[in-house]
Amino acid sequence: MLSVFALGGLNEIGKNMYAIEYGNDIVVIDCGNKFPDESLLGIDLIIPDISYLEENKDRVQALIVTHGHEDHIGGIPYFLKKINVPVYATRFTLGLIEIKLKEHRILRESELHEINAESELQIGEMNINFFKVNHSIPDCLGIVFQTPEGNVVHTGDFKFDLTPANNERSDLHRMAEIGNKGVLLLLSESTNAERPGFTPSEKMVGENLESIFIKSKRKIFVSTFASNVSRVQQVINASFKTRRKLALLGRSMVNVVRVAMERGYLNVPKGMLIDARDINDLPPEQVTILCTGSQGEAMAALSRLSTGNYRDAEILPEDTVILAAGPIPGNEKSVSTIVDNLYKLGAHVIYGSGSSSGMHVSGHGYQEDLKLMLTLMKPKYFIPIHGEYRMLHHHQLLAESVGVEPGNTFILSNGEVVGIEDSVARSTRIVPTGSTYVDGIDVGNMEFVLRDRKQIAEDGMLMIILTMSKEDTKMLAEPEIISRGFVDNNFSELRNRMIRMIMETIHELHKADRYSWNVKKKQIKRQISQYIKERTRKEPMIIPILIEI
């Protein structure tokens, strides 16, 4: 039986991970991350739960990566630490993966293979080949799995841009050829399934950038996704035409530009790049600053610039700031705060996607792009991927409008498996899945840690310090109560009442010959918690600490 499922990327944006299983072989497609929202206090990254793959690690044969965006490669180091299989990706994508593997100190143990649109792999009974698609990052591929049951196609992220800034056009002829040979099942991305028409061309952004550069009289700051190499090249071109030097701010921007230059994806005129420390040595009309932070990330360069906390550069009145990226859903509030701060600094701010500013177009196909892909592939069965539920639903409607039979589309959740036998597809089982949290050096579920952090964040905490005699367990001093994030008003009154309650509880337990510290701890926590809830309607974390002397 042929089985297809996702461990990430369904009913969500981010942490994409899909798997094709045939016979004794499993091939994994992408391994991304997503960034936490405000509810996940202190969490650094969210990556897919790979427990099913770990249970079947002897059957996992390869990881194939469609392109180099974080939501497709960000989880790879964590995956390879558990399941070290060969990784197949294009030249530019491998460059970005190598940076991550170096940071995690596992590059030497990792087996990396470069592929392109002409490559062909044989894994068990699956013959795997590729086709070129256009997206907002170089070297993107779709994948064709030829199996005894039929052909399965994974599009990767794509749009149809007939005038791309990087001249990397989607291979329409190859897609039509794949469709003519027969596609049993298509997995196609759904990010912009709600937006009518075709995605605007990247060429529009380059023309608008040049116009702004010509009009600007002082420094120009441009913030965009570091991985959008086409956009970076357009900033370089506009800077060159207006005789400006270019400085890079932000670690990811520096890293991606370096990889792109080394591998021939960026053309930077000799002498154009300057060190950030040299910005103030040049007249402001001769400087462009390309920086990270277009999504409002708190520690990224643009956020720190907007509050005047960046050491090597500052935004002054009449400087121009361009946000050449649209906010990802969920980031709107953070971006709005930065825009407000920039206006307070007196800058000219240009922001917003599409026609509102002309500074950004999406790398994901709109409805007509998605319908064109479906028309070229002509699949019998269809699984919309890479999107929240409403996006998957709209993509289903688009598929049916261009000929996919009603009932032949599967809107799945992560872990749901579509099995194909005798060329008939049906939902068969559910594999374990979910989210794994990265918290510093810890990687895991973090359920109890997050519960405690949420409790402390909402209601604060109380530490009750008890000093007792080690010899006879008698109190040697009055209990000390330390409050953090709890209440200010009437706390002295509360403290005095809690101290009396603690002393009474200890006295009663001592009188009853119940000396166990665990008994005292539980009883004190229970009584103090009940009292505080009645008096304040709060439930702070209560931590009794025993000091024996």
Protein backbone atom coordinates (compact mmCIF):
# COMPACT_ATOMS: atom_id res chain seq x y z
CA MET A 1 0.00 0.00 0.00
CA LEU A 2 1.06 3.58 -0.71
CA SER A 3 0.52 5.93 2.26
CA VAL A 4 0.73 9.73 2.34
CA PHE A 5 0.52 11.89 5.45
CA ALA A 6 1.74 15.10 7.10
CA LEU A 7 3.42 15.61 10.46
CA GLY A 8 3.15 19.39 10.03
CA GLY A 9 1.75 21.92 7.56
CA LEU A 10 -1.96 20.98 7.66
CA ASN A 11 -4.42 23.34 9.35
CA GLU A 12 -1.47 25.62 10.14
CA ILE A 13 1.11 27.84 8.50
CA GLY A 14 4.61 26.61 9.24
CA LYS A 15 6.62 23.54 10.36
CA ASN A 16 5.96 21.76 7.09
CA MET A 17 6.72 18.04 7.06
CA TYR A 18 5.19 15.38 4.81
CA ALA A 19 5.92 11.71 4.23
CA ILE A 20 5.43 9.16 1.45
CA GLU A 21 5.44 5.52 2.56
CA TYR A 22 5.56 2.57 0.18
CA GLY A 23 6.42 -0.96 1.21
CA ASN A 24 9.26 -0.81 3.72
CA ASP A 25 10.45 2.66 2.70
CA ILE A 26 9.55 6.11 4.01
CA VAL A 27 10.67 9.33 2.32
CA VAL A 28 10.25 12.60 4.24
CA ILE A 29 9.57 15.91 2.48
CA ASP A 30 10.75 19.07 4.27
CA CYS A 31 11.27 19.60 7.98
CA GLY A 32 10.42 23.14 9.01
CA ASN A 33 9.71 25.15 12.10
CA LYS A 34 7.34 27.91 13.07
CA PHE A 35 7.74 30.65 15.61
CA PRO A 36 5.70 30.69 18.84
CA ASP A 37 2.86 33.06 19.59
CA GLU A 38 2.48 35.02 22.82
CA SER A 39 0.90 32.07 24.66
CA LEU A 40 4.05 29.95 24.44
CA LEU A 41 6.08 31.83 27.01
CA GLY A 42 9.83 31.51 26.52
CA ILE A 43 9.62 28.94 23.71
CA ASP A 44 12.14 29.56 20.91
CA LEU A 45 10.81 27.34 18.11
CA ILE A 46 8.07 24.86 17.31
CA ILE A 47 9.05 21.81 15.24
CA PRO A 48 7.11 18.70 14.17
CA ASP A 49 6.67 15.73 16.47
CA ILE A 50 8.63 12.93 14.73
CA SER A 51 7.83 10.13 17.19
CA TYR A 52 6.25 8.01 14.42
CA LEU A 53 9.35 8.35 12.28
CA GLU A 54 11.57 7.52 15.27
CA GLU A 55 9.56 4.34 15.85
CA ASN A 56 10.14 3.45 12.19
CA LYS A 57 13.62 4.97 11.79
CA ASP A 58 14.99 1.87 10.04
CA ARG A 59 12.47 2.47 7.25
CA VAL A 60 13.18 6.21 6.82
CA GLN A 61 15.44 6.40 3.77
CA ALA A 62 15.78 10.10 2.91
CA LEU A 63 14.78 13.70 3.57
CA ILE A 64 14.03 15.71 0.42
CA VAL A 65 13.83 19.50 0.80
CA THR A 66 11.77 21.55 -1.67
CA HIS A 67 13.34 24.95 -0.83
CA GLY A 68 15.19 26.94 1.82
CA HIS A 69 12.57 28.84 3.79
CA GLU A 70 12.60 28.42 7.58
CA ASP A 71 9.20 26.74 7.62
CA HIS A 72 10.74 24.01 5.43
CA ILE A 73 14.30 23.67 6.80
CA GLY A 74 14.22 25.07 10.36
CA GLY A 75 13.67 21.67 12.02
CA ILE A 76 16.32 19.75 10.06
CA PRO A 77 19.10 19.85 12.71
CA TYR A 78 16.73 18.44 15.35
CA PHE A 79 15.50 15.78 12.91
CA LEU A 80 19.01 14.64 11.93
CA LYS A 81 20.07 14.35 15.57
CA LYS A 82 17.37 11.68 15.94
CA ILE A 83 17.27 10.15 12.44
CA ASN A 84 20.46 10.66 10.45
CA VAL A 85 19.44 9.99 6.84
CA PRO A 86 20.69 11.45 3.54
CA VAL A 87 19.37 14.95 2.78
CA TYR A 88 18.64 15.94 -0.83
CA ALA A 89 18.28 19.63 -1.75
CA THR A 90 19.28 22.16 -4.39
CA ARG A 91 22.55 24.06 -4.28
CA PHE A 92 21.24 27.22 -2.63
CA THR A 93 19.03 25.33 -0.20
CA LEU A 94 21.99 23.18 0.86
CA GLY A 95 23.96 26.35 1.59
CA LEU A 96 21.30 27.47 4.07
CA ILE A 97 21.02 24.00 5.60
CA GLU A 98 24.79 23.86 6.08
CA ILE A 99 24.69 27.07 8.15
CA LYS A 100 22.20 25.44 10.53
CA LEU A 101 24.11 22.17 10.76
CA LYS A 102 27.32 24.07 11.56
CA GLU A 103 25.56 25.95 14.36
CA HIS A 104 24.40 22.61 15.80
CA ARG A 105 27.85 21.04 15.22
CA ILE A 106 26.52 18.12 13.18
CA LEU A 107 27.62 19.11 9.67
CA ARG A 108 30.41 16.52 9.53
CA GLU A 109 28.09 13.65 10.44
CA SER A 110 25.38 14.74 7.96
CA GLU A 111 25.10 13.29 4.46
CA LEU A 112 24.09 16.07 2.03
CA HIS A 113 23.37 15.54 -1.67
CA GLU A 114 22.84 18.27 -4.26
CA ILE A 115 19.93 17.84 -6.68
CA ASN A 116 18.30 19.93 -9.42
CA ALA A 117 15.31 19.76 -11.72
CA GLU A 118 17.05 17.09 -13.85
CA SER A 119 17.93 14.78 -10.96
CA GLU A 120 16.47 11.32 -10.47
CA LEU A 121 16.53 9.15 -7.34
CA GLN A 122 15.61 5.52 -6.80
CA ILE A 123 14.49 4.64 -3.27
CA GLY A 124 13.07 1.14 -2.96
CA GLU A 125 10.27 0.85 -5.49
CA MET A 126 9.87 4.63 -5.72
CA ASN A 127 11.44 6.49 -8.63
CA ILE A 128 11.70 10.18 -7.70
CA ASN A 129 12.21 13.11 -10.08
CA PHE A 130 11.70 16.85 -9.96
CA PHE A 131 10.43 19.97 -11.71
CA LYS A 132 11.28 23.64 -11.32
CA VAL A 133 8.82 26.05 -9.66
CA ASN A 134 9.04 29.78 -9.00
CA HIS A 135 8.79 31.11 -5.45
CA SER A 136 10.29 33.94 -3.37
CA ILE A 137 13.61 32.15 -2.86
CA PRO A 138 15.98 30.61 -5.44
CA ASP A 139 16.20 26.95 -6.42
CA CYS A 140 12.69 25.66 -5.64
CA LEU A 141 11.49 22.25 -6.73
CA GLY A 142 8.32 20.22 -6.99
CA ILE A 143 8.63 16.44 -6.57
CA VAL A 144 7.19 13.48 -8.50
CA PHE A 145 7.05 10.08 -6.82
CA GLN A 146 6.54 7.30 -9.36
CA THR A 147 5.22 4.25 -7.50
CA PRO A 148 3.60 0.96 -8.58
CA GLU A 149 0.27 2.42 -7.40
CA GLY A 150 0.63 5.58 -9.49
CA ASN A 151 2.30 8.97 -9.48
CA VAL A 152 2.19 11.29 -6.46
CA VAL A 153 3.16 14.96 -6.96
CA HIS A 154 4.16 17.44 -4.25
CA THR A 155 4.28 20.99 -5.63
CA GLY A 156 6.38 22.66 -2.94
CA ASP A 157 5.61 26.38 -2.54
CA PHE A 158 5.01 28.09 -5.87
CA LYS A 159 3.48 30.82 -7.97
CA PHE A 160 3.47 31.39 -11.73
CA ASP A 161 5.52 34.53 -12.39
CA LEU A 162 6.13 35.07 -16.10
CA THR A 163 8.57 37.91 -15.46
CA PRO A 164 10.50 36.83 -12.34
CA ALA A 165 13.30 39.05 -11.13
CA ASN A 166 15.68 36.08 -10.97
CA ASN A 167 14.61 34.59 -14.33
CA GLU A 168 13.74 31.31 -12.59
CA ARG A 169 10.47 30.51 -14.35
CA SER A 170 8.24 27.59 -13.49
CA ASP A 171 8.70 24.74 -15.99
CA LEU A 172 5.19 24.70 -17.45
CA HIS A 173 6.11 22.21 -20.19
CA ARG A 174 7.47 19.72 -17.65
CA MET A 175 4.35 20.11 -15.49
CA ALA A 176 2.10 19.49 -18.50
CA GLU A 177 4.16 16.42 -19.37
CA ILE A 178 3.77 15.07 -15.82
CA GLY A 179 0.02 15.67 -15.99
CA ASN A 180 -0.28 13.92 -19.36
CA LYS A 181 1.44 10.82 -17.95
CA GLY A 182 -1.15 10.70 -15.19
CA VAL A 183 -1.16 11.99 -11.61
CA LEU A 184 -2.93 9.77 -9.10
CA LEU A 185 -2.54 12.18 -6.16
CA LEU A 186 -1.53 15.85 -6.00
CA LEU A 187 -0.39 17.66 -2.84
CA SER A 188 -0.49 21.40 -3.54
CA GLU A 189 0.10 24.42 -1.29
CA SER A 190 -2.89 26.52 -0.21
CA THR A 191 -1.52 29.70 1.41
CA ASN A 192 -3.32 32.16 -0.89
CA ALA A 193 -6.33 30.01 -1.84
CA GLU A 194 -8.66 32.80 -0.65
CA ARG A 195 -7.16 35.50 -2.91
CA PRO A 196 -8.60 35.87 -6.42
CA GLY A 197 -6.58 36.37 -9.60
CA PHE A 198 -2.91 35.71 -10.31
CA THR A 199 -0.08 36.67 -7.97
CA PRO A 200 1.53 39.95 -9.15
CA SER A 201 4.99 39.72 -10.68
CA GLU A 202 8.14 40.41 -8.68
CA LYS A 203 9.20 42.74 -11.50
CA MET A 204 6.68 45.30 -10.24
CA VAL A 205 8.57 45.59 -6.94
CA GLY A 206 11.89 46.33 -8.65
CA GLU A 207 10.38 49.19 -10.65
CA ASN A 208 8.76 50.71 -7.56
CA LEU A 209 11.93 50.39 -5.51
CA GLU A 210 13.93 52.31 -8.10
CA SER A 211 11.34 55.09 -8.11
CA ILE A 212 11.55 55.49 -4.31
CA PHE A 213 15.36 55.38 -4.34
CA ILE A 214 15.52 58.21 -6.89
CA LYS A 215 13.21 60.42 -4.77
CA SER A 216 14.85 59.76 -1.39
CA LYS A 217 17.26 62.43 -0.13
CA ARG A 218 18.77 60.70 2.91
CA LYS A 219 19.50 57.18 4.16
CA ILE A 220 17.26 54.36 2.95
CA PHE A 221 16.48 51.41 5.20
CA VAL A 222 14.93 48.35 3.52
CA SER A 223 13.64 45.45 5.61
CA THR A 224 12.69 42.18 3.94
CA PHE A 225 13.00 38.44 4.33
CA ALA A 226 16.69 37.58 4.13
CA SER A 227 15.81 34.52 2.04
CA ASN A 228 14.09 36.62 -0.66
CA VAL A 229 17.24 36.83 -2.76
CA SER A 230 15.37 38.35 -5.72
CA ARG A 231 14.23 41.23 -3.50
CA VAL A 232 17.76 41.66 -2.17
CA GLN A 233 19.08 41.80 -5.74
CA GLN A 234 16.51 44.48 -6.58
CA VAL A 235 17.70 46.56 -3.61
CA ILE A 236 21.29 46.12 -4.82
CA ASN A 237 20.30 47.21 -8.34
CA ALA A 238 18.42 50.28 -7.11
CA SER A 239 21.34 51.23 -4.84
CA PHE A 240 23.81 50.90 -7.72
CA LYS A 241 21.70 53.08 -10.01
CA THR A 242 21.48 55.81 -7.37
CA ARG A 243 25.18 55.50 -6.39
CA ARG A 244 24.62 54.23 -2.89
CA LYS A 245 26.75 51.90 -0.77
CA LEU A 246 25.02 48.97 0.94
CA ALA A 247 25.30 47.84 4.58
CA LEU A 248 23.76 44.64 5.97
CA LEU A 249 22.23 44.46 9.46
CA GLY A 250 21.07 41.23 11.10
CA ARG A 251 22.74 37.83 11.32
CA SER A 252 20.37 36.02 8.96
CA MET A 253 20.72 38.78 6.34
CA VAL A 254 24.52 38.57 6.49
CA ASN A 255 24.47 34.76 6.31
CA VAL A 256 22.03 34.47 3.41
CA VAL A 257 23.72 37.18 1.36
CA ARG A 258 27.08 35.48 1.89
CA VAL A 259 25.73 32.09 0.74
CA ALA A 260 23.96 33.67 -2.24
CA MET A 261 27.12 35.52 -3.33
CA GLU A 262 29.36 32.46 -2.88
CA ARG A 263 27.02 30.27 -4.94
CA GLY A 264 26.34 32.78 -7.69
CA TYR A 265 22.74 33.78 -6.87
CA LEU A 266 23.54 37.44 -6.15
CA ASN A 267 25.44 39.93 -8.25
CA VAL A 268 26.94 42.62 -6.02
CA PRO A 269 29.13 45.27 -7.73
CA LYS A 270 32.66 45.38 -6.38
CA GLY A 271 33.08 47.89 -3.56
CA MET A 272 29.35 48.32 -2.92
CA LEU A 273 29.15 46.45 0.40
CA ILE A 274 30.33 48.35 3.46
CA ASP A 275 30.64 47.38 7.10
CA ALA A 276 27.86 48.57 9.41
CA ARG A 277 30.45 50.50 11.43
CA ASP A 278 31.20 52.68 8.38
CA ILE A 279 27.63 53.89 7.85
CA ASN A 280 28.16 57.22 9.60
CA ASP A 281 31.36 57.93 7.65
CA LEU A 282 29.39 58.47 4.43
CA PRO A 283 26.90 61.20 3.49
CA PRO A 284 23.35 59.91 4.22
CA GLU A 285 22.30 60.20 0.57
CA GLN A 286 24.95 57.63 -0.34
CA VAL A 287 23.81 54.86 2.04
CA THR A 288 21.32 51.98 1.80
CA ILE A 289 20.84 49.71 4.80
CA LEU A 290 19.32 46.28 4.23
CA CYS A 291 18.08 44.71 7.45
CA THR A 292 16.06 41.93 9.03
CA GLY A 293 12.91 42.41 11.11
CA SER A 294 10.10 42.90 8.60
CA GLN A 295 7.86 40.66 10.75
CA GLY A 296 8.27 42.70 13.92
CA GLU A 297 10.64 40.28 15.66
CA ALA A 298 11.62 41.86 18.98
CA MET A 299 15.39 41.35 18.69
CA ALA A 300 15.73 41.82 14.93
CA ALA A 301 17.53 44.83 13.47
CA LEU A 302 14.48 46.87 12.43
CA SER A 303 12.82 46.58 15.85
CA ARG A 304 15.98 47.79 17.58
CA LEU A 305 16.43 50.60 15.02
CA SER A 306 12.84 51.73 15.62
CA THR A 307 13.58 52.22 19.34
CA GLY A 308 17.02 53.75 18.84
CA ASN A 309 18.81 50.73 20.32
CA TYR A 310 21.05 49.69 17.43
CA ARG A 311 24.72 50.42 18.01
CA ASP A 312 25.98 50.99 14.45
CA ALA A 313 23.07 52.87 12.85
CA GLU A 314 20.17 55.13 13.70
CA ILE A 315 17.07 56.33 11.91
CA LEU A 316 16.89 60.11 11.72
CA PRO A 317 14.17 62.50 10.51
CA GLU A 318 13.69 62.41 6.72
CA ASP A 319 15.30 58.97 6.39
CA THR A 320 13.21 56.52 4.33
CA VAL A 321 12.20 53.12 5.72
CA ILE A 322 10.74 50.52 3.36
CA LEU A 323 9.09 47.35 4.66
CA ALA A 324 9.42 45.16 1.57
CA ALA A 325 7.48 42.23 3.00
CA GLY A 326 3.89 41.66 4.04
CA PRO A 327 3.19 40.61 7.65
CA ILE A 328 2.61 36.91 8.17
CA PRO A 329 -0.78 36.29 9.86
CA GLY A 330 -0.27 36.79 13.60
CA ASN A 331 2.54 39.33 13.20
CA GLU A 332 0.37 42.34 12.34
CA LYS A 333 0.42 43.83 15.85
CA SER A 334 4.22 43.68 16.16
CA VAL A 335 4.69 45.21 12.71
CA SER A 336 2.19 47.97 13.51
CA THR A 337 4.12 48.87 16.68
CA ILE A 338 7.36 49.19 14.71
CA VAL A 339 5.68 51.36 12.05
CA ASP A 340 4.37 53.68 14.79
CA ASN A 341 7.85 53.93 16.31
CA LEU A 342 9.35 54.76 12.92
CA TYR A 343 6.90 57.60 12.40
CA LYS A 344 7.79 58.94 15.85
CA LEU A 345 11.43 59.10 14.70
CA GLY A 346 10.35 61.32 11.80
CA ALA A 347 11.05 58.77 9.05
CA HIS A 348 9.21 58.39 5.75
CA VAL A 349 7.68 54.91 6.09
CA ILE A 350 6.52 52.81 3.15
CA TYR A 351 4.75 49.61 4.14
CA GLY A 352 1.93 47.28 3.14
CA SER A 353 1.79 44.52 0.53
CA GLY A 354 0.63 44.43 -3.07
CA SER A 355 -0.73 47.55 -4.71
CA SER A 356 -0.98 49.48 -1.42
CA SER A 357 2.77 50.17 -1.43
CA GLY A 358 4.19 48.35 -4.44
CA MET A 359 7.04 47.10 -2.22
CA HIS A 360 5.99 43.48 -1.83
CA VAL A 361 4.27 40.70 -3.73
CA SER A 362 3.58 37.25 -2.36
CA GLY A 363 5.65 34.23 -3.27
CA HIS A 364 2.57 32.01 -3.03
CA GLY A 365 0.08 31.47 -5.83
CA TYR A 366 -3.35 33.12 -5.80
CA GLN A 367 -6.48 31.28 -6.93
CA GLU A 368 -5.69 31.38 -10.66
CA ASP A 369 -2.15 30.08 -10.02
CA LEU A 370 -3.57 27.20 -7.99
CA LYS A 371 -6.15 26.41 -10.66
CA LEU A 372 -3.44 26.43 -13.33
CA MET A 373 -1.39 23.91 -11.34
CA LEU A 374 -4.45 21.67 -10.93
CA THR A 375 -5.23 21.97 -14.64
CA LEU A 376 -1.68 21.05 -15.65
CA MET A 377 -1.50 18.06 -13.28
CA LYS A 378 -5.06 16.76 -13.75
CA PRO A 379 -4.98 14.65 -10.55
CA LYS A 380 -7.50 11.93 -9.72
CA TYR A 381 -7.13 12.63 -5.98
CA PHE A 382 -6.14 15.85 -4.26
CA ILE A 383 -4.76 16.84 -0.83
CA PRO A 384 -4.51 20.61 -0.20
CA ILE A 385 -1.53 21.31 2.09
CA HIS A 386 0.37 24.22 3.68
CA GLY A 387 -2.51 26.24 5.06
CA GLU A 388 -5.08 26.78 7.77
CA TYR A 389 -8.41 24.96 7.48
CA ARG A 390 -10.26 27.73 5.64
CA MET A 391 -7.45 27.88 3.05
CA LEU A 392 -7.58 24.11 2.53
CA HIS A 393 -11.37 24.35 2.14
CA HIS A 394 -11.13 27.09 -0.50
CA HIS A 395 -8.50 25.07 -2.34
CA GLN A 396 -10.88 22.11 -2.41
CA LEU A 397 -13.53 24.29 -4.05
CA LEU A 398 -10.98 25.46 -6.63
CA ALA A 399 -10.03 21.85 -7.38
CA GLU A 400 -13.62 20.85 -7.94
CA SER A 401 -14.14 23.88 -10.20
CA VAL A 402 -11.43 22.63 -12.58
CA GLY A 403 -12.47 18.99 -12.72
CA VAL A 404 -11.44 17.09 -9.57
CA GLU A 405 -14.37 14.83 -8.69
CA PRO A 406 -16.30 15.78 -5.53
CA GLY A 407 -15.30 13.32 -2.84
CA ASN A 408 -11.78 12.89 -4.24
CA THR A 409 -10.30 15.70 -2.13
CA PHE A 410 -9.00 14.94 1.37
CA ILE A 411 -8.88 17.84 3.84
CA LEU A 412 -6.71 16.31 6.53
CA SER A 413 -5.21 17.18 9.87
CA ASN A 414 -1.62 16.41 10.77
CA GLY A 415 -1.24 12.67 11.35
CA GLU A 416 -4.19 11.54 9.22
CA VAL A 417 -3.05 9.00 6.62
CA VAL A 418 -4.39 8.58 3.10
CA GLY A 419 -3.77 5.04 1.92
CA ILE A 420 -3.85 4.09 -1.76
CA GLU A 421 -4.39 0.50 -2.88
CA ASP A 422 -5.32 -0.62 -6.40
CA SER A 423 -5.34 3.10 -7.30
CA VAL A 424 -8.16 3.80 -4.85
CA ALA A 425 -7.50 6.34 -2.08
CA ARG A 426 -9.15 6.41 1.34
CA SER A 427 -8.42 7.61 4.87
CA THR A 428 -6.90 4.66 6.70
CA ARG A 429 -5.36 5.50 10.08
CA ILE A 430 -3.82 8.18 12.27
CA VAL A 431 -0.16 8.32 13.24
CA PRO A 432 1.12 10.14 16.37
CA THR A 433 1.83 13.80 15.71
CA GLY A 434 1.78 17.22 17.32
CA SER A 435 4.25 19.95 18.19
CA THR A 436 7.66 19.69 19.77
CA TYR A 437 8.97 22.79 21.53
CA VAL A 438 12.54 24.05 21.50
CA ASP A 439 13.37 25.92 24.70
CA GLY A 440 17.07 26.79 24.80
CA ILE A 441 18.86 23.45 24.76
CA ASP A 442 15.73 21.53 25.80
CA VAL A 443 13.59 19.89 23.13
CA GLY A 444 10.31 18.18 23.98
CA ASN A 445 6.67 18.57 24.92
CA MET A 446 7.18 21.21 27.67
CA GLU A 447 3.55 20.90 28.76
CA PHE A 448 4.25 21.20 32.50
CA VAL A 449 6.88 23.92 32.04
CA LEU A 450 4.46 26.02 29.98
CA ARG A 451 1.66 25.46 32.48
CA ASP A 452 3.86 26.77 35.30
CA ARG A 453 5.05 29.75 33.24
CA LYS A 454 1.49 30.65 32.34
CA GLN A 455 0.43 30.46 35.99
CA ILE A 456 3.33 32.69 37.07
CA ALA A 457 2.64 35.13 34.20
CA GLU A 458 -1.03 35.46 35.07
CA ASP A 459 -1.06 35.33 38.89
CA GLY A 460 2.56 35.58 40.02
CA MET A 461 4.18 33.43 42.69
CA LEU A 462 4.81 33.26 46.42
CA MET A 463 7.85 31.68 48.08
CA ILE A 464 7.35 30.63 51.68
CA ILE A 465 10.70 30.19 53.46
CA LEU A 466 10.59 28.12 56.63
CA THR A 467 13.63 27.92 58.94
CA MET A 468 13.45 24.82 61.14
CA SER A 469 15.60 23.00 63.62
CA LYS A 470 17.04 19.85 62.10
CA GLU A 471 17.08 18.20 65.51
CA ASP A 472 13.45 18.62 66.62
CA THR A 473 11.76 20.19 63.52
CA LYS A 474 10.70 23.27 65.53
CA MET A 475 10.44 26.66 63.86
CA LEU A 476 13.51 28.84 64.56
CA ALA A 477 12.11 32.01 63.00
CA GLU A 478 8.92 33.48 61.67
CA PRO A 479 8.13 32.31 58.09
CA GLU A 480 9.35 34.66 55.38
CA ILE A 481 7.06 35.28 52.40
CA ILE A 482 8.48 36.63 49.15
CA SER A 483 6.05 37.79 46.47
CA ARG A 484 6.76 38.17 42.74
CA GLY A 485 4.11 39.39 40.29
CA PHE A 486 1.30 38.86 42.79
CA VAL A 487 -0.40 41.91 44.39
CA ASP A 488 0.68 45.30 45.70
CA ASN A 489 -2.43 46.56 47.47
CA ASN A 490 -2.98 45.27 51.04
CA PHE A 491 -0.13 42.77 50.73
CA SER A 492 1.11 43.51 54.27
CA GLU A 493 -2.28 42.51 55.64
CA LEU A 494 -2.29 39.34 53.51
CA ARG A 495 1.28 38.49 54.56
CA ASN A 496 0.49 38.81 58.25
CA ARG A 497 -2.57 36.59 57.94
CA MET A 498 -0.62 33.98 55.93
CA ILE A 499 2.18 33.91 58.50
CA ARG A 500 -0.34 33.23 61.30
CA MET A 501 -1.96 30.47 59.22
CA ILE A 502 1.42 28.82 58.50
CA MET A 503 2.44 28.92 62.17
CA GLU A 504 -0.91 27.43 63.21
CA THR A 505 -0.66 24.67 60.60
CA ILE A 506 2.86 23.70 61.64
CA HIS A 507 1.88 23.76 65.31
CA GLU A 508 -1.13 21.50 64.69
CA LEU A 509 0.90 19.03 62.62
CA HIS A 510 3.68 18.98 65.21
CA LYS A 511 1.14 18.38 67.95
CA ALA A 512 -0.29 15.46 65.96
CA ASP A 513 3.24 13.98 65.53
CA ARG A 514 3.12 14.50 61.75
CA TYR A 515 6.66 15.70 61.18
CA SER A 516 7.04 14.77 57.50
CA TRP A 517 8.16 17.75 55.41
CA ASN A 518 5.96 16.57 52.51
CA VAL A 519 2.92 16.60 54.76
CA LYS A 520 3.72 20.13 55.98
CA LYS A 521 4.38 21.32 52.43
CA LYS A 522 1.10 19.99 51.04
CA GLN A 523 -0.97 21.30 53.93
CA ILE A 524 0.59 24.79 53.81
CA LYS A 525 0.16 25.02 50.02
CA ARG A 526 -3.46 23.89 50.24
CA GLN A 527 -4.48 26.29 52.98
CA ILE A 528 -2.59 29.32 51.66
CA SER A 529 -3.85 28.69 48.13
CA GLN A 530 -7.45 28.48 49.34
CA TYR A 531 -7.09 31.62 51.43
CA ILE A 532 -5.53 33.67 48.61
CA LYS A 533 -8.16 32.55 46.11
CA GLU A 534 -10.96 33.61 48.45
CA ARG A 535 -9.35 36.98 49.17
CA THR A 536 -7.91 37.96 45.77
CA ARG A 537 -9.47 35.61 43.16
CA LYS A 538 -5.92 34.78 42.07
CA GLU A 539 -4.05 31.48 42.03
CA PRO A 540 -0.33 32.27 42.28
CA MET A 541 2.27 29.52 42.25
CA ILE A 542 3.14 28.73 45.87
CA ILE A 543 6.62 27.34 46.59
CA PRO A 544 7.39 26.33 50.19
CA ILE A 545 11.16 26.18 50.86
CA LEU A 546 12.56 24.44 53.95
CA ILE A 547 15.86 25.50 55.48
CA GLU A 548 17.02 23.10 58.17
CA ILE A 549 19.62 24.31 60.70
